[in-house]
Each structure stands twice: as C-alpha cells, then as structure tokens.
C-alpha atoms as a PDB file:
ATOM      1  CA  UNK A   1      12.448 -32.231  21.216  1.00  0.00           C
ATOM      2  CA  UNK A   2       9.735 -34.595  22.434  1.00  0.00           C
ATOM      3  CA  UNK A   3       7.091 -31.887  22.028  1.00  0.00           C
ATOM      4  CA  UNK A   4       8.274 -31.162  18.479  1.00  0.00           C
ATOM      5  CA  UNK A   5       8.158 -34.884  17.652  1.00  0.00           C
ATOM      6  CA  UNK A   6       4.577 -35.189  18.956  1.00  0.00           C
ATOM      7  CA  UNK A   7       3.484 -32.159  16.935  1.00  0.00           C
ATOM      8  CA  UNK A   8       5.206 -33.609  13.869  1.00  0.00           C
ATOM      9  CA  UNK A   9       3.430 -36.934  14.316  1.00  0.00           C
ATOM     10  CA  UNK A  10       0.076 -35.201  14.785  1.00  0.00           C
ATOM     11  CA  UNK A  11       0.601 -33.236  11.572  1.00  0.00           C
ATOM     12  CA  UNK A  12       1.322 -36.474   9.700  1.00  0.00           C
ATOM     13  CA  UNK A  13      -1.990 -37.889  10.956  1.00  0.00           C
ATOM     14  CA  UNK A  14      -3.939 -34.779   9.906  1.00  0.00           C
ATOM     15  CA  UNK A  15      -2.575 -34.838   6.371  1.00  0.00           C
ATOM     16  CA  UNK A  16      -2.886 -38.617   6.101  1.00  0.00           C
ATOM     17  CA  UNK A  17      -6.616 -38.240   6.785  1.00  0.00           C
ATOM     18  CA  UNK A  18      -6.911 -35.573   4.079  1.00  0.00           C
ATOM     19  CA  UNK A  19      -5.170 -37.793   1.546  1.00  0.00           C
ATOM     20  CA  UNK A  20      -7.054 -40.945   2.582  1.00  0.00           C
ATOM     21  CA  UNK A  21     -10.307 -39.117   1.874  1.00  0.00           C
ATOM     22  CA  UNK A  22      -8.947 -38.076  -1.508  1.00  0.00           C
ATOM     23  CA  UNK A  23      -9.299 -34.481  -0.460  1.00  0.00           C
ATOM     24  CA  UNK A  24      -6.275 -32.796  -2.030  1.00  0.00           C
ATOM     25  CA  UNK A  25      -8.037 -29.410  -1.900  1.00  0.00           C
ATOM     26  CA  UNK A  26      -8.451 -29.699   1.860  1.00  0.00           C
ATOM     27  CA  UNK A  27      -4.752 -30.469   2.294  1.00  0.00           C
ATOM     28  CA  UNK A  28      -3.696 -27.464   0.213  1.00  0.00           C
ATOM     29  CA  UNK A  29      -6.213 -25.192   1.950  1.00  0.00           C
ATOM     30  CA  UNK A  30      -4.957 -26.265   5.387  1.00  0.00           C
ATOM     31  CA  UNK A  31      -1.370 -25.488   4.449  1.00  0.00           C
ATOM     32  CA  UNK A  32      -2.268 -22.131   2.847  1.00  0.00           C
ATOM     33  CA  UNK A  33      -4.385 -21.045   5.820  1.00  0.00           C
ATOM     34  CA  UNK A  34      -1.923 -22.179   8.479  1.00  0.00           C
ATOM     35  CA  UNK A  35      -0.474 -18.909   9.742  1.00  0.00           C
ATOM     36  CA  UNK A  36       3.126 -18.396  10.743  1.00  0.00           C
ATOM     37  CA  UNK A  37       3.356 -17.673  14.449  1.00  0.00           C
ATOM     38  CA  UNK A  38       4.602 -14.212  15.345  1.00  0.00           C
ATOM     39  CA  UNK A  39       7.723 -15.311  17.186  1.00  0.00           C
ATOM     40  CA  UNK A  40      11.160 -14.780  15.662  1.00  0.00           C
ATOM     41  CA  UNK A  41      12.526 -18.137  14.492  1.00  0.00           C
ATOM     42  CA  UNK A  42      15.731 -19.467  15.978  1.00  0.00           C
ATOM     43  CA  UNK A  43      18.349 -20.467  13.386  1.00  0.00           C
ATOM     44  CA  UNK A  44      18.547 -24.106  14.505  1.00  0.00           C
ATOM     45  CA  UNK A  45      14.753 -24.500  14.521  1.00  0.00           C
ATOM     46  CA  UNK A  46      14.485 -25.467  10.841  1.00  0.00           C
ATOM     47  CA  UNK A  47      16.915 -28.340  11.302  1.00  0.00           C
ATOM     48  CA  UNK A  48      15.188 -29.492  14.514  1.00  0.00           C
ATOM     49  CA  UNK A  49      11.726 -29.426  12.922  1.00  0.00           C
ATOM     50  CA  UNK A  50      12.899 -31.364   9.852  1.00  0.00           C
ATOM     51  CA  UNK A  51      14.566 -33.903  12.139  1.00  0.00           C
ATOM     52  CA  UNK A  52      11.344 -34.252  14.170  1.00  0.00           C
ATOM     53  CA  UNK A  53       9.373 -34.918  10.974  1.00  0.00           C
ATOM     54  CA  UNK A  54      11.966 -37.480   9.848  1.00  0.00           C
ATOM     55  CA  UNK A  55      11.643 -39.294  13.197  1.00  0.00           C
ATOM     56  CA  UNK A  56       7.854 -39.144  13.050  1.00  0.00           C
ATOM     57  CA  UNK A  57       7.984 -40.666   9.548  1.00  0.00           C
ATOM     58  CA  UNK A  58      10.116 -43.540  10.860  1.00  0.00           C
ATOM     59  CA  UNK A  59       7.583 -44.275  13.619  1.00  0.00           C
ATOM     60  CA  UNK A  60       4.490 -43.727  11.460  1.00  0.00           C
ATOM     61  CA  UNK A  61       2.553 -46.951  10.933  1.00  0.00           C
ATOM     62  CA  UNK A  62       2.614 -46.725   7.134  1.00  0.00           C
ATOM     63  CA  UNK A  63       4.711 -45.206   4.386  1.00  0.00           C
ATOM     64  CA  UNK A  64       4.701 -41.417   4.334  1.00  0.00           C
ATOM     65  CA  UNK A  65       4.819 -39.911   0.860  1.00  0.00           C
ATOM     66  CA  UNK A  66       6.435 -36.602  -0.049  1.00  0.00           C
ATOM     67  CA  UNK A  67       3.213 -34.557  -0.115  1.00  0.00           C
ATOM     68  CA  UNK A  68       2.142 -35.657   3.370  1.00  0.00           C
ATOM     69  CA  UNK A  69       5.676 -35.202   4.755  1.00  0.00           C
ATOM     70  CA  UNK A  70       6.135 -31.785   3.163  1.00  0.00           C
ATOM     71  CA  UNK A  71       2.704 -30.486   4.204  1.00  0.00           C
ATOM     72  CA  UNK A  72       3.397 -31.594   7.783  1.00  0.00           C
ATOM     73  CA  UNK A  73       6.873 -30.027   7.712  1.00  0.00           C
ATOM     74  CA  UNK A  74       5.512 -26.736   6.362  1.00  0.00           C
ATOM     75  CA  UNK A  75       2.868 -26.446   9.078  1.00  0.00           C
ATOM     76  CA  UNK A  76       5.279 -27.480  11.828  1.00  0.00           C
ATOM     77  CA  UNK A  77       7.752 -24.827  10.720  1.00  0.00           C
ATOM     78  CA  UNK A  78       5.018 -22.185  10.506  1.00  0.00           C
ATOM     79  CA  UNK A  79       3.913 -23.123  14.029  1.00  0.00           C
ATOM     80  CA  UNK A  80       7.491 -22.464  15.157  1.00  0.00           C
ATOM     81  CA  UNK A  81       7.561 -19.025  13.503  1.00  0.00           C
ATOM     82  CA  UNK A  82       9.434 -20.008  10.341  1.00  0.00           C
ATOM     83  CA  UNK A  83       7.886 -18.686   7.089  1.00  0.00           C
ATOM     84  CA  UNK A  84       7.991 -21.993   5.207  1.00  0.00           C
ATOM     85  CA  UNK A  85       6.355 -22.783   1.873  1.00  0.00           C
ATOM     86  CA  UNK A  86       5.108 -26.088   0.496  1.00  0.00           C
ATOM     87  CA  UNK A  87       6.233 -26.464  -3.123  1.00  0.00           C
ATOM     88  CA  UNK A  88       4.655 -28.907  -5.574  1.00  0.00           C
ATOM     89  CA  UNK A  89       6.473 -29.660  -8.790  1.00  0.00           C
ATOM     90  CA  UNK A  90       6.425 -32.052 -11.739  1.00  0.00           C
ATOM     91  CA  UNK A  91       8.617 -33.228 -14.549  1.00  0.00           C
ATOM     92  CA  UNK A  92       7.328 -34.297 -17.963  1.00  0.00           C
ATOM     93  CA  UNK A  93       9.481 -37.236 -19.061  1.00  0.00           C
ATOM     94  CA  UNK A  94       9.120 -39.551 -17.312  1.00  0.00           C
ATOM     95  CA  UNK A  95       6.149 -37.954 -15.595  1.00  0.00           C
ATOM     96  CA  UNK A  96       6.778 -37.523 -11.877  1.00  0.00           C
ATOM     97  CA  UNK A  97       5.358 -35.186  -9.274  1.00  0.00           C
ATOM     98  CA  UNK A  98       7.082 -34.247  -6.042  1.00  0.00           C
ATOM     99  CA  UNK A  99       6.616 -31.978  -3.024  1.00  0.00           C
ATOM    100  CA  UNK A 100       9.196 -30.286  -0.832  1.00  0.00           C
ATOM    101  CA  UNK A 101       9.551 -27.363   1.603  1.00  0.00           C
ATOM    102  CA  UNK A 102      11.402 -24.108   1.084  1.00  0.00           C
ATOM    103  CA  UNK A 103      12.428 -21.414   3.558  1.00  0.00           C
ATOM    104  CA  UNK A 104      13.696 -18.162   2.053  1.00  0.00           C
ATOM    105  CA  UNK A 105      13.935 -19.898  -1.340  1.00  0.00           C
ATOM    106  CA  UNK A 106      16.134 -22.752  -0.077  1.00  0.00           C
ATOM    107  CA  UNK A 107      15.009 -26.380   0.066  1.00  0.00           C
ATOM    108  CA  UNK A 108      15.034 -27.586   3.683  1.00  0.00           C
ATOM    109  CA  UNK A 109      13.590 -31.126   3.681  1.00  0.00           C
ATOM    110  CA  UNK A 110      15.048 -32.621   0.510  1.00  0.00           C
ATOM    111  CA  UNK A 111      18.070 -32.481  -1.749  1.00  0.00           C
ATOM    112  CA  UNK A 112      19.026 -28.857  -2.449  1.00  0.00           C
ATOM    113  CA  UNK A 113      18.846 -29.372  -6.234  1.00  0.00           C
ATOM    114  CA  UNK A 114      15.287 -30.775  -6.260  1.00  0.00           C
ATOM    115  CA  UNK A 115      13.905 -27.426  -7.416  1.00  0.00           C
ATOM    116  CA  UNK A 116      16.061 -27.711 -10.555  1.00  0.00           C
ATOM    117  CA  UNK A 117      14.670 -31.161 -11.454  1.00  0.00           C
ATOM    118  CA  UNK A 118      10.975 -30.303 -11.172  1.00  0.00           C
ATOM    119  CA  UNK A 119       8.998 -27.451 -12.695  1.00  0.00           C
ATOM    120  CA  UNK A 120       7.133 -25.663  -9.913  1.00  0.00           C
ATOM    121  CA  UNK A 121       3.336 -26.033 -10.202  1.00  0.00           C
ATOM    122  CA  UNK A 122       2.330 -24.332  -6.967  1.00  0.00           C
ATOM    123  CA  UNK A 123       3.710 -22.799  -3.785  1.00  0.00           C
ATOM    124  CA  UNK A 124       1.623 -22.412  -0.677  1.00  0.00           C
END
C-alpha cells in the first residue's frame, strides 16, 4: 500500500505542474498516452488505487481539484493494469465542469450518478 500511495502522490505532483503552467493540453496528452500495463488487474486493485489517491490528496500540501485527482487516478490505475478512462463533463445551468474516472463504464472515484449530472465533453 505504501508503494501505491507514493505513486499516487507522485502523479498528483506531475499533474499539478501541468495545471500550474496552464498547460491543459499537456495534461490531457499525458493521460491519453499513458498505456495500460499488460498485467491482468486484480478485482480489489481499483478500490486500493482510489484509496491511495484519496490519502495522497489528504497529505498534499494544497487543495487538489477534480481534474488533477482524476488524471492521477486514471494513470495510477493504468499503471496497475486497469483500463481506466478520464472523463470530463459540464453542465449548462449553472455552468460547472467536472472530471471523474470510469472503469468499464462505471464511475470509480466519485458518486456513481455523476455521469448523469454532467454532459460528457471528452474521454481519454
């Protein structure tokens, strides 16, 4: 679990740097190009990875927003062999944007109904 936590924290740093530079394209490109490892995922791995990201967010020195958290979660899951997808959505009134992670079409790092609240803009 410690190794997963350290990887989670490192992913938060990577995506924080992308966002601090205002480089949204770089963040999306990194997530798209991050390849899923060839190993077969273990069923409990999704829950463990999401828990590691949650812990890393608690210990992160500043607030972690949904895009950074979801990008980090997606890459951590892919590293563990889970075919995860970062989803970015928006709603019109009031305007809000949000990001979350899906595995096999199910939301894994947010409320399960989040995909019904937001119109999907992109999946990567």
